[in-house]
Amino acid sequence: MMALLEAALRAAISAADTRTALPPLLPEPTGGRLLVVGAGKAAELMAQAVHHHYASAYPGSPVTGLVIAPQRGPGADKGLAAA
């Protein structure tokens, strides 16, 4: 029973892993500009997956973009600084 639960957990984690779940959904480059917009908690990992996919699958394809993601690490819980 424990092996079945561990296998199910590994399958669920793999299905949610942006490095494997996202690339099959990405379009092939058309030679034009590809705009990728991401925001939120998963934006950083998704941006990494998109960049890695295009850099490895289509060498020489320009990859640029903007990612808006919550701050992580020390001090992340303090919120935004006042302007």
N, C-alpha and C. Protein backbone atom coordinates (compact mmCIF):
# COMPACT_ATOMS: atom_id res chain seq x y z
N MET A 1 0.83 -1.20 0.00
CA MET A 1 0.00 0.00 0.00
C MET A 1 0.87 1.27 0.00
N MET A 2 1.95 1.25 0.79
CA MET A 2 2.83 2.41 0.87
C MET A 2 3.49 2.69 -0.48
N ALA A 3 3.88 1.64 -1.19
CA ALA A 3 4.51 1.81 -2.51
C ALA A 3 3.53 2.46 -3.49
N LEU A 4 2.26 2.08 -3.41
CA LEU A 4 1.24 2.67 -4.28
C LEU A 4 1.08 4.16 -3.97
N LEU A 5 1.05 4.52 -2.69
CA LEU A 5 0.92 5.93 -2.31
C LEU A 5 2.13 6.74 -2.74
N GLU A 6 3.31 6.16 -2.58
CA GLU A 6 4.53 6.86 -3.00
C GLU A 6 4.55 7.05 -4.52
N ALA A 7 4.11 6.05 -5.25
CA ALA A 7 4.06 6.16 -6.71
C ALA A 7 3.05 7.23 -7.13
N ALA A 8 1.92 7.28 -6.46
CA ALA A 8 0.91 8.29 -6.76
C ALA A 8 1.43 9.70 -6.46
N LEU A 9 2.15 9.84 -5.35
CA LEU A 9 2.73 11.14 -5.00
C LEU A 9 3.76 11.57 -6.04
N ARG A 10 4.63 10.64 -6.45
CA ARG A 10 5.63 10.97 -7.47
C ARG A 10 4.97 11.36 -8.79
N ALA A 11 3.91 10.68 -9.17
CA ALA A 11 3.19 11.00 -10.41
C ALA A 11 2.53 12.38 -10.32
N ALA A 12 1.97 12.70 -9.17
CA ALA A 12 1.33 14.01 -8.99
C ALA A 12 2.36 15.13 -9.04
N ILE A 13 3.49 14.93 -8.40
CA ILE A 13 4.55 15.95 -8.41
C ILE A 13 5.09 16.12 -9.82
N SER A 14 5.28 15.03 -10.54
CA SER A 14 5.79 15.10 -11.90
C SER A 14 4.80 15.82 -12.82
N ALA A 15 3.52 15.58 -12.64
CA ALA A 15 2.50 16.22 -13.47
C ALA A 15 2.44 17.72 -13.23
N ALA A 16 2.80 18.16 -12.04
CA ALA A 16 2.77 19.58 -11.71
C ALA A 16 4.11 20.26 -11.94
N ASP A 17 5.12 19.54 -12.35
CA ASP A 17 6.46 20.10 -12.56
C ASP A 17 6.46 20.89 -13.86
N THR A 18 6.70 22.20 -13.76
CA THR A 18 6.67 23.04 -14.96
C THR A 18 7.71 22.66 -15.99
N ARG A 19 8.82 22.06 -15.54
CA ARG A 19 9.88 21.68 -16.48
C ARG A 19 9.42 20.59 -17.43
N THR A 20 8.46 19.76 -17.02
CA THR A 20 7.98 18.69 -17.89
C THR A 20 6.56 18.94 -18.40
N ALA A 21 5.74 19.64 -17.63
CA ALA A 21 4.34 19.85 -18.02
C ALA A 21 4.17 20.98 -19.03
N LEU A 22 4.99 22.01 -18.96
CA LEU A 22 4.79 23.19 -19.80
C LEU A 22 5.32 23.07 -21.23
N PRO A 23 6.51 22.55 -21.47
CA PRO A 23 7.05 22.54 -22.85
C PRO A 23 6.14 21.94 -23.92
N PRO A 24 5.42 20.86 -23.68
CA PRO A 24 4.56 20.35 -24.75
C PRO A 24 3.43 21.31 -25.14
N LEU A 25 3.14 22.28 -24.30
CA LEU A 25 2.06 23.23 -24.57
C LEU A 25 2.54 24.49 -25.28
N LEU A 26 3.86 24.65 -25.39
CA LEU A 26 4.42 25.87 -25.98
C LEU A 26 4.46 25.77 -27.50
N PRO A 27 4.17 26.90 -28.19
CA PRO A 27 4.19 26.87 -29.66
C PRO A 27 5.62 26.89 -30.20
N GLU A 28 5.76 26.45 -31.43
CA GLU A 28 7.05 26.54 -32.10
C GLU A 28 7.27 28.00 -32.47
N PRO A 29 8.53 28.44 -32.49
CA PRO A 29 8.78 29.83 -32.90
C PRO A 29 8.37 30.04 -34.35
N THR A 30 7.83 31.20 -34.64
CA THR A 30 7.36 31.52 -35.99
C THR A 30 8.34 32.41 -36.73
N GLY A 31 9.42 32.79 -36.06
CA GLY A 31 10.36 33.72 -36.65
C GLY A 31 10.05 35.15 -36.25
N GLY A 32 8.86 35.34 -35.75
CA GLY A 32 8.47 36.66 -35.26
C GLY A 32 8.70 36.75 -33.76
N ARG A 33 8.09 37.72 -33.18
CA ARG A 33 8.24 37.95 -31.74
C ARG A 33 7.26 37.06 -30.97
N LEU A 34 7.75 36.43 -29.94
CA LEU A 34 6.91 35.60 -29.07
C LEU A 34 6.82 36.31 -27.74
N LEU A 35 5.63 36.63 -27.32
CA LEU A 35 5.41 37.34 -26.07
C LEU A 35 4.90 36.35 -25.03
N VAL A 36 5.61 36.25 -23.94
CA VAL A 36 5.20 35.38 -22.85
C VAL A 36 5.00 36.26 -21.63
N VAL A 37 3.83 36.20 -21.04
CA VAL A 37 3.51 37.01 -19.88
C VAL A 37 3.20 36.08 -18.72
N GLY A 38 3.81 36.36 -17.58
CA GLY A 38 3.55 35.55 -16.41
C GLY A 38 3.52 36.41 -15.16
N ALA A 39 2.66 36.06 -14.24
CA ALA A 39 2.60 36.77 -12.97
C ALA A 39 2.11 35.80 -11.90
N GLY A 40 2.59 35.98 -10.70
CA GLY A 40 2.13 35.15 -9.60
C GLY A 40 3.21 34.24 -9.04
N LYS A 41 2.79 33.39 -8.14
CA LYS A 41 3.74 32.54 -7.41
C LYS A 41 4.51 31.58 -8.30
N ALA A 42 3.88 31.07 -9.35
CA ALA A 42 4.54 30.10 -10.21
C ALA A 42 5.24 30.74 -11.41
N ALA A 43 5.16 32.06 -11.53
CA ALA A 43 5.71 32.75 -12.71
C ALA A 43 7.20 32.51 -12.88
N GLU A 44 7.94 32.54 -11.81
CA GLU A 44 9.39 32.36 -11.91
C GLU A 44 9.74 30.98 -12.47
N LEU A 45 9.12 29.94 -11.94
CA LEU A 45 9.41 28.59 -12.42
C LEU A 45 8.92 28.39 -13.86
N MET A 46 7.78 28.99 -14.19
CA MET A 46 7.29 28.87 -15.56
C MET A 46 8.21 29.61 -16.53
N ALA A 47 8.70 30.78 -16.13
CA ALA A 47 9.62 31.52 -16.99
C ALA A 47 10.90 30.73 -17.22
N GLN A 48 11.39 30.09 -16.18
CA GLN A 48 12.59 29.26 -16.33
C GLN A 48 12.33 28.12 -17.30
N ALA A 49 11.15 27.49 -17.19
CA ALA A 49 10.81 26.37 -18.09
C ALA A 49 10.69 26.85 -19.53
N VAL A 50 10.07 28.01 -19.75
CA VAL A 50 9.92 28.55 -21.10
C VAL A 50 11.30 28.88 -21.68
N HIS A 51 12.12 29.56 -20.89
CA HIS A 51 13.45 29.93 -21.37
C HIS A 51 14.28 28.69 -21.71
N HIS A 52 14.27 27.71 -20.83
CA HIS A 52 15.04 26.49 -21.06
C HIS A 52 14.54 25.76 -22.31
N HIS A 53 13.23 25.71 -22.47
CA HIS A 53 12.65 25.01 -23.62
C HIS A 53 13.10 25.65 -24.93
N TYR A 54 12.94 26.95 -25.05
CA TYR A 54 13.29 27.60 -26.31
C TYR A 54 14.80 27.64 -26.52
N ALA A 55 15.57 27.81 -25.46
CA ALA A 55 17.02 27.85 -25.61
C ALA A 55 17.59 26.49 -26.02
N SER A 56 16.98 25.40 -25.55
CA SER A 56 17.50 24.08 -25.88
C SER A 56 16.87 23.50 -27.15
N ALA A 57 15.57 23.70 -27.34
CA ALA A 57 14.89 23.13 -28.50
C ALA A 57 15.12 23.95 -29.77
N TYR A 58 15.34 25.25 -29.60
CA TYR A 58 15.53 26.13 -30.75
C TYR A 58 16.73 27.04 -30.50
N PRO A 59 17.93 26.50 -30.59
CA PRO A 59 19.13 27.32 -30.34
C PRO A 59 19.15 28.54 -31.26
N GLY A 60 19.52 29.67 -30.70
CA GLY A 60 19.58 30.90 -31.46
C GLY A 60 18.28 31.67 -31.46
N SER A 61 17.21 31.05 -30.96
CA SER A 61 15.93 31.74 -30.88
C SER A 61 16.00 32.76 -29.74
N PRO A 62 15.73 34.04 -30.04
CA PRO A 62 15.83 35.03 -28.97
C PRO A 62 14.75 34.84 -27.92
N VAL A 63 15.15 34.88 -26.69
CA VAL A 63 14.21 34.73 -25.58
C VAL A 63 14.37 35.96 -24.69
N THR A 64 13.33 36.75 -24.61
CA THR A 64 13.31 37.90 -23.72
C THR A 64 11.95 37.95 -23.06
N GLY A 65 11.85 38.66 -21.97
CA GLY A 65 10.56 38.76 -21.33
C GLY A 65 10.61 39.48 -20.01
N LEU A 66 9.48 39.50 -19.36
CA LEU A 66 9.29 40.13 -18.07
C LEU A 66 8.55 39.16 -17.17
N VAL A 67 9.04 39.00 -15.96
CA VAL A 67 8.39 38.12 -15.01
C VAL A 67 8.09 38.92 -13.75
N ILE A 68 6.86 38.83 -13.29
CA ILE A 68 6.48 39.47 -12.05
C ILE A 68 6.13 38.36 -11.08
N ALA A 69 6.94 38.24 -10.02
CA ALA A 69 6.75 37.16 -9.06
C ALA A 69 6.94 37.70 -7.65
N PRO A 70 6.30 37.06 -6.69
CA PRO A 70 6.49 37.49 -5.30
C PRO A 70 7.95 37.33 -4.88
N GLN A 71 8.40 38.22 -4.01
CA GLN A 71 9.76 38.14 -3.49
C GLN A 71 9.86 36.92 -2.59
N ARG A 72 11.02 36.23 -2.70
CA ARG A 72 11.27 35.06 -1.85
C ARG A 72 12.53 35.31 -1.05
N GLY A 73 12.70 34.55 -0.01
CA GLY A 73 13.92 34.65 0.77
C GLY A 73 13.76 35.57 1.97
N PRO A 74 14.88 35.91 2.61
CA PRO A 74 14.84 36.74 3.81
C PRO A 74 14.18 38.08 3.53
N GLY A 75 13.26 38.46 4.37
CA GLY A 75 12.59 39.74 4.24
C GLY A 75 11.38 39.70 3.32
N ALA A 76 11.09 38.54 2.73
CA ALA A 76 9.97 38.45 1.78
C ALA A 76 8.63 38.71 2.46
N ASP A 77 8.52 38.43 3.73
CA ASP A 77 7.24 38.61 4.42
C ASP A 77 6.99 40.05 4.87
N LYS A 78 7.91 40.94 4.60
CA LYS A 78 7.77 42.33 5.05
C LYS A 78 6.96 43.18 4.07
N GLY A 79 6.63 42.66 2.90
CA GLY A 79 5.83 43.41 1.94
C GLY A 79 6.66 44.41 1.15
N LEU A 80 6.00 45.23 0.39
CA LEU A 80 6.67 46.21 -0.45
C LEU A 80 7.11 47.40 0.36
N ALA A 81 8.22 47.98 -0.01
CA ALA A 81 8.71 49.18 0.65
C ALA A 81 7.89 50.37 0.18
N ALA A 82 7.69 51.33 1.05
CA ALA A 82 6.95 52.54 0.69
C ALA A 82 7.79 53.37 -0.27
N ALA A 83 7.13 53.93 -1.26
CA ALA A 83 7.84 54.74 -2.26
C ALA A 83 8.06 56.15 -1.76
